[in-house]
PDB file of all heavy atoms in Angstrom:
ATOM      1  N   GLN A   1      94.044 121.682 -81.846  1.00  0.00           N
ATOM      2  CA  GLN A   1      93.040 121.349 -80.838  1.00  0.00           C
ATOM      3  C   GLN A   1      92.851 119.840 -80.697  1.00  0.00           C
ATOM      4  O   GLN A   1      92.307 119.371 -79.695  1.00  0.00           O
ATOM      5  CB  GLN A   1      91.702 122.004 -81.189  1.00  0.00           C
ATOM      6  CG  GLN A   1      91.718 123.524 -81.087  1.00  0.00           C
ATOM      7  CD  GLN A   1      90.421 124.137 -81.555  1.00  0.00           C
ATOM      8  OE1 GLN A   1      90.078 124.073 -82.738  1.00  0.00           O
ATOM      9  NE2 GLN A   1      89.679 124.746 -80.632  1.00  0.00           N
ATOM     10  N   LEU A   2      93.288 119.098 -81.692  1.00  0.00           N
ATOM     11  CA  LEU A   2      93.175 117.636 -81.677  1.00  0.00           C
ATOM     12  C   LEU A   2      94.474 116.964 -81.241  1.00  0.00           C
ATOM     13  O   LEU A   2      94.638 115.753 -81.389  1.00  0.00           O
ATOM     14  CB  LEU A   2      92.787 117.129 -83.068  1.00  0.00           C
ATOM     15  CG  LEU A   2      91.429 117.601 -83.591  1.00  0.00           C
ATOM     16  CD1 LEU A   2      91.252 117.215 -85.049  1.00  0.00           C
ATOM     17  CD2 LEU A   2      90.294 117.035 -82.751  1.00  0.00           C
ATOM     18  N   ALA A   3      95.385 117.754 -80.666  1.00  0.00           N
ATOM     19  CA  ALA A   3      96.716 117.240 -80.339  1.00  0.00           C
ATOM     20  C   ALA A   3      96.669 116.062 -79.371  1.00  0.00           C
ATOM     21  O   ALA A   3      97.522 115.171 -79.431  1.00  0.00           O
ATOM     22  CB  ALA A   3      97.583 118.362 -79.755  1.00  0.00           C
ATOM     23  N   LYS A   4      95.689 116.034 -78.472  1.00  0.00           N
ATOM     24  CA  LYS A   4      95.610 114.959 -77.482  1.00  0.00           C
ATOM     25  C   LYS A   4      94.799 113.759 -77.971  1.00  0.00           C
ATOM     26  O   LYS A   4      94.618 112.784 -77.236  1.00  0.00           O
ATOM     27  CB  LYS A   4      95.024 115.497 -76.170  1.00  0.00           C
ATOM     28  CG  LYS A   4      95.947 116.484 -75.464  1.00  0.00           C
ATOM     29  CD  LYS A   4      95.412 116.874 -74.104  1.00  0.00           C
ATOM     30  CE  LYS A   4      96.370 117.821 -73.397  1.00  0.00           C
ATOM     31  NZ  LYS A   4      97.658 117.167 -73.051  1.00  0.00           N
ATOM     32  N   VAL A   5      94.300 113.828 -79.192  1.00  0.00           N
ATOM     33  CA  VAL A   5      93.561 112.707 -79.777  1.00  0.00           C
ATOM     34  C   VAL A   5      94.527 111.874 -80.602  1.00  0.00           C
ATOM     35  O   VAL A   5      95.187 112.412 -81.505  1.00  0.00           O
ATOM     36  CB  VAL A   5      92.408 113.206 -80.683  1.00  0.00           C
ATOM     37  CG1 VAL A   5      91.608 112.019 -81.219  1.00  0.00           C
ATOM     38  CG2 VAL A   5      91.517 114.175 -79.922  1.00  0.00           C
ATOM     39  N   PRO A   6      94.659 110.570 -80.325  1.00  0.00           N
ATOM     40  CA  PRO A   6      95.551 109.744 -81.144  1.00  0.00           C
ATOM     41  C   PRO A   6      95.219 109.879 -82.630  1.00  0.00           C
ATOM     42  O   PRO A   6      94.045 109.940 -83.002  1.00  0.00           O
ATOM     43  CB  PRO A   6      95.278 108.325 -80.629  1.00  0.00           C
ATOM     44  CG  PRO A   6      94.808 108.530 -79.216  1.00  0.00           C
ATOM     45  CD  PRO A   6      94.019 109.801 -79.243  1.00  0.00           C
ATOM     46  N   GLN A   7      96.237 109.911 -83.471  1.00  0.00           N
ATOM     47  CA  GLN A   7      96.024 110.142 -84.896  1.00  0.00           C
ATOM     48  C   GLN A   7      95.114 109.091 -85.525  1.00  0.00           C
ATOM     49  O   GLN A   7      94.346 109.397 -86.442  1.00  0.00           O
ATOM     50  CB  GLN A   7      97.370 110.193 -85.625  1.00  0.00           C
ATOM     51  CG  GLN A   7      98.084 111.518 -85.474  1.00  0.00           C
ATOM     52  CD  GLN A   7      97.231 112.688 -85.971  1.00  0.00           C
ATOM     53  OE1 GLN A   7      96.829 112.739 -87.125  1.00  0.00           O
ATOM     54  NE2 GLN A   7      96.926 113.617 -85.068  1.00  0.00           N
ATOM     55  N   ALA A   8      95.172 107.867 -85.041  1.00  0.00           N
ATOM     56  CA  ALA A   8      94.279 106.828 -85.576  1.00  0.00           C
ATOM     57  C   ALA A   8      92.823 107.193 -85.328  1.00  0.00           C
ATOM     58  O   ALA A   8      91.952 106.946 -86.177  1.00  0.00           O
ATOM     59  CB  ALA A   8      94.613 105.483 -84.940  1.00  0.00           C
ATOM     60  N   LEU A   9      92.547 107.808 -84.167  1.00  0.00           N
ATOM     61  CA  LEU A   9      91.169 108.204 -83.862  1.00  0.00           C
ATOM     62  C   LEU A   9      90.764 109.443 -84.648  1.00  0.00           C
ATOM     63  O   LEU A   9      89.595 109.593 -85.025  1.00  0.00           O
ATOM     64  CB  LEU A   9      91.020 108.442 -82.361  1.00  0.00           C
ATOM     65  CG  LEU A   9      91.284 107.236 -81.447  1.00  0.00           C
ATOM     66  CD1 LEU A   9      90.967 107.591 -79.994  1.00  0.00           C
ATOM     67  CD2 LEU A   9      90.467 106.029 -81.879  1.00  0.00           C
ATOM     68  N   VAL A  10      91.708 110.342 -84.887  1.00  0.00           N
ATOM     69  CA  VAL A  10      91.410 111.508 -85.720  1.00  0.00           C
ATOM     70  C   VAL A  10      90.978 111.038 -87.105  1.00  0.00           C
ATOM     71  O   VAL A  10      89.973 111.509 -87.659  1.00  0.00           O
ATOM     72  CB  VAL A  10      92.630 112.444 -85.819  1.00  0.00           C
ATOM     73  CG1 VAL A  10      92.359 113.556 -86.840  1.00  0.00           C
ATOM     74  CG2 VAL A  10      92.955 113.040 -84.459  1.00  0.00           C
ATOM     75  N   ARG A  11      91.724 110.098 -87.664  1.00  0.00           N
ATOM     76  CA  ARG A  11      91.377 109.590 -88.999  1.00  0.00           C
ATOM     77  C   ARG A  11      90.037 108.860 -89.004  1.00  0.00           C
ATOM     78  O   ARG A  11      89.286 108.923 -89.983  1.00  0.00           O
ATOM     79  CB  ARG A  11      92.487 108.668 -89.508  1.00  0.00           C
ATOM     80  CG  ARG A  11      93.803 109.383 -89.808  1.00  0.00           C
ATOM     81  CD  ARG A  11      94.770 108.463 -90.556  1.00  0.00           C
ATOM     82  NE  ARG A  11      95.194 107.350 -89.719  1.00  0.00           N
ATOM     83  CZ  ARG A  11      96.271 107.386 -88.930  1.00  0.00           C
ATOM     84  NH1 ARG A  11      97.018 108.493 -88.864  1.00  0.00           N
ATOM     85  NH2 ARG A  11      96.621 106.332 -88.208  1.00  0.00           N
ATOM     86  N   ARG A  12      89.730 108.193 -87.890  1.00  0.00           N
ATOM     87  CA  ARG A  12      88.512 107.386 -87.831  1.00  0.00           C
ATOM     88  C   ARG A  12      87.265 108.212 -87.590  1.00  0.00           C
ATOM     89  O   ARG A  12      86.191 107.898 -88.113  1.00  0.00           O
ATOM     90  CB  ARG A  12      88.671 106.349 -86.707  1.00  0.00           C
ATOM     91  CG  ARG A  12      87.646 105.222 -86.719  1.00  0.00           C
ATOM     92  CD  ARG A  12      88.011 104.181 -85.662  1.00  0.00           C
ATOM     93  NE  ARG A  12      89.371 103.683 -85.871  1.00  0.00           N
ATOM     94  CZ  ARG A  12      90.127 103.130 -84.922  1.00  0.00           C
ATOM     95  NH1 ARG A  12      89.657 103.026 -83.676  1.00  0.00           N
ATOM     96  NH2 ARG A  12      91.335 102.703 -85.190  1.00  0.00           N
ATOM     97  N   TYR A  13      87.384 109.293 -86.811  1.00  0.00           N
ATOM     98  CA  TYR A  13      86.182 110.002 -86.349  1.00  0.00           C
ATOM     99  C   TYR A  13      86.059 111.448 -86.819  1.00  0.00           C
ATOM    100  O   TYR A  13      85.089 112.118 -86.463  1.00  0.00           O
ATOM    101  CB  TYR A  13      86.127 109.953 -84.819  1.00  0.00           C
ATOM    102  CG  TYR A  13      85.999 108.538 -84.298  1.00  0.00           C
ATOM    103  CD1 TYR A  13      87.055 107.919 -83.621  1.00  0.00           C
ATOM    104  CD2 TYR A  13      84.831 107.808 -84.514  1.00  0.00           C
ATOM    105  CE1 TYR A  13      86.945 106.617 -83.161  1.00  0.00           C
ATOM    106  CE2 TYR A  13      84.718 106.499 -84.051  1.00  0.00           C
ATOM    107  CZ  TYR A  13      85.779 105.900 -83.382  1.00  0.00           C
ATOM    108  OH  TYR A  13      85.663 104.616 -82.938  1.00  0.00           O
ATOM    109  N   PHE A  14      87.005 111.905 -87.618  1.00  0.00           N
ATOM    110  CA  PHE A  14      86.933 113.276 -88.132  1.00  0.00           C
ATOM    111  C   PHE A  14      87.142 113.273 -89.643  1.00  0.00           C
ATOM    112  O   PHE A  14      87.882 112.439 -90.181  1.00  0.00           O
ATOM    113  CB  PHE A  14      88.000 114.163 -87.471  1.00  0.00           C
ATOM    114  CG  PHE A  14      87.774 114.405 -86.008  1.00  0.00           C
ATOM    115  CD1 PHE A  14      88.217 113.486 -85.065  1.00  0.00           C
ATOM    116  CD2 PHE A  14      87.110 115.548 -85.569  1.00  0.00           C
ATOM    117  CE1 PHE A  14      88.000 113.689 -83.709  1.00  0.00           C
ATOM    118  CE2 PHE A  14      86.894 115.764 -84.217  1.00  0.00           C
ATOM    119  CZ  PHE A  14      87.337 114.843 -83.287  1.00  0.00           C
ATOM    120  N   CYS A  15      86.484 114.208 -90.291  1.00  0.00           N
ATOM    121  CA  CYS A  15      86.651 114.404 -91.727  1.00  0.00           C
ATOM    122  C   CYS A  15      87.430 115.695 -91.944  1.00  0.00           C
ATOM    123  O   CYS A  15      87.163 116.696 -91.275  1.00  0.00           O
ATOM    124  CB  CYS A  15      85.288 114.511 -92.420  1.00  0.00           C
ATOM    125  SG  CYS A  15      84.201 113.109 -92.124  1.00  0.00           S
ATOM    126  N   GLU A  16      88.372 115.673 -92.849  1.00  0.00           N
ATOM    127  CA  GLU A  16      89.143 116.883 -93.128  1.00  0.00           C
ATOM    128  C   GLU A  16      88.280 117.914 -93.835  1.00  0.00           C
ATOM    129  O   GLU A  16      87.549 117.611 -94.767  1.00  0.00           O
ATOM    130  CB  GLU A  16      90.375 116.551 -93.980  1.00  0.00           C
ATOM    131  CG  GLU A  16      91.460 115.841 -93.203  1.00  0.00           C
ATOM    132  CD  GLU A  16      92.782 115.851 -93.944  1.00  0.00           C
ATOM    133  OE1 GLU A  16      93.109 116.885 -94.559  1.00  0.00           O
ATOM    134  OE2 GLU A  16      93.463 114.819 -93.915  1.00  0.00           O
ATOM    135  N   GLU A  17      88.343 119.128 -93.331  1.00  0.00           N
ATOM    136  CA  GLU A  17      87.620 120.245 -93.928  1.00  0.00           C
ATOM    137  C   GLU A  17      88.643 121.232 -94.472  1.00  0.00           C
ATOM    138  O   GLU A  17      89.843 121.048 -94.332  1.00  0.00           O
ATOM    139  CB  GLU A  17      86.744 120.926 -92.859  1.00  0.00           C
ATOM    140  CG  GLU A  17      85.810 119.984 -92.100  1.00  0.00           C
ATOM    141  CD  GLU A  17      84.553 119.660 -92.862  1.00  0.00           C
ATOM    142  OE1 GLU A  17      84.272 120.357 -93.852  1.00  0.00           O
ATOM    143  OE2 GLU A  17      83.847 118.705 -92.460  1.00  0.00           O
ATOM    144  N   LYS A  18      88.171 122.299 -95.073  1.00  0.00           N
ATOM    145  CA  LYS A  18      89.089 123.311 -95.578  1.00  0.00           C
ATOM    146  C   LYS A  18      89.642 124.151 -94.428  1.00  0.00           C
ATOM    147  O   LYS A  18      89.136 124.103 -93.303  1.00  0.00           O
ATOM    148  CB  LYS A  18      88.387 124.202 -96.603  1.00  0.00           C
ATOM    149  CG  LYS A  18      87.201 124.972 -96.057  1.00  0.00           C
ATOM    150  CD  LYS A  18      86.553 125.798 -97.167  1.00  0.00           C
ATOM    151  CE  LYS A  18      85.359 126.583 -96.615  1.00  0.00           C
ATOM    152  NZ  LYS A  18      84.712 127.408 -97.661  1.00  0.00           N
ATOM    153  N   ASN A  19      90.669 124.921 -94.708  1.00  0.00           N
ATOM    154  CA  ASN A  19      91.299 125.826 -93.740  1.00  0.00           C
ATOM    155  C   ASN A  19      91.846 125.091 -92.518  1.00  0.00           C
ATOM    156  O   ASN A  19      91.763 125.579 -91.389  1.00  0.00           O
ATOM    157  CB  ASN A  19      90.323 126.917 -93.292  1.00  0.00           C
ATOM    158  CG  ASN A  19      89.834 127.771 -94.439  1.00  0.00           C
ATOM    159  OD1 ASN A  19      90.588 128.051 -95.369  1.00  0.00           O
ATOM    160  ND2 ASN A  19      88.570 128.169 -94.384  1.00  0.00           N
ATOM    161  N   ASP A  20      92.398 123.901 -92.732  1.00  0.00           N
ATOM    162  CA  ASP A  20      93.033 123.135 -91.656  1.00  0.00           C
ATOM    163  C   ASP A  20      92.056 122.747 -90.546  1.00  0.00           C
ATOM    164  O   ASP A  20      92.441 122.550 -89.395  1.00  0.00           O
ATOM    165  CB  ASP A  20      94.213 123.919 -91.061  1.00  0.00           C
ATOM    166  CG  ASP A  20      95.092 123.056 -90.155  1.00  0.00           C
ATOM    167  OD1 ASP A  20      95.292 121.873 -90.473  1.00  0.00           O
ATOM    168  OD2 ASP A  20      95.540 123.564 -89.100  1.00  0.00           O
ATOM    169  N   LEU A  21      90.786 122.635 -90.855  1.00  0.00           N
ATOM    170  CA  LEU A  21      89.791 122.224 -89.866  1.00  0.00           C
ATOM    171  C   LEU A  21      89.413 120.757 -90.070  1.00  0.00           C
ATOM    172  O   LEU A  21      89.437 120.240 -91.184  1.00  0.00           O
ATOM    173  CB  LEU A  21      88.538 123.101 -89.982  1.00  0.00           C
ATOM    174  CG  LEU A  21      88.700 124.563 -89.589  1.00  0.00           C
ATOM    175  CD1 LEU A  21      87.403 125.324 -89.857  1.00  0.00           C
ATOM    176  CD2 LEU A  21      89.092 124.693 -88.120  1.00  0.00           C
ATOM    177  N   HIS A  22      89.050 120.131 -88.952  1.00  0.00           N
ATOM    178  CA  HIS A  22      88.587 118.751 -88.977  1.00  0.00           C
ATOM    179  C   HIS A  22      87.190 118.717 -88.373  1.00  0.00           C
ATOM    180  O   HIS A  22      86.970 119.226 -87.267  1.00  0.00           O
ATOM    181  CB  HIS A  22      89.533 117.852 -88.179  1.00  0.00           C
ATOM    182  CG  HIS A  22      90.922 117.791 -88.736  1.00  0.00           C
ATOM    183  ND1 HIS A  22      91.378 116.753 -89.519  1.00  0.00           N
ATOM    184  CD2 HIS A  22      91.952 118.672 -88.649  1.00  0.00           C
ATOM    185  CE1 HIS A  22      92.635 116.985 -89.874  1.00  0.00           C
ATOM    186  NE2 HIS A  22      93.000 118.146 -89.351  1.00  0.00           N
ATOM    187  N   GLY A  23      86.253 118.108 -89.080  1.00  0.00           N
ATOM    188  CA  GLY A  23      84.874 118.051 -88.620  1.00  0.00           C
ATOM    189  C   GLY A  23      84.512 116.684 -88.071  1.00  0.00           C
ATOM    190  O   GLY A  23      84.932 115.649 -88.612  1.00  0.00           O
ATOM    191  N   VAL A  24      83.732 116.669 -87.002  1.00  0.00           N
ATOM    192  CA  VAL A  24      83.255 115.420 -86.417  1.00  0.00           C
ATOM    193  C   VAL A  24      82.396 114.677 -87.440  1.00  0.00           C
ATOM    194  O   VAL A  24      81.566 115.276 -88.134  1.00  0.00           O
ATOM    195  CB  VAL A  24      82.432 115.711 -85.142  1.00  0.00           C
ATOM    196  CG1 VAL A  24      81.836 114.424 -84.581  1.00  0.00           C
ATOM    197  CG2 VAL A  24      83.294 116.404 -84.104  1.00  0.00           C
TER     198      VAL A  24
END
């Protein structure tokens, strides 16, 4: 679901959760 978000922004604005989920 985050495929269109640049990876740098994923790292900056999301925290890794369990079960392959990323939380805002």
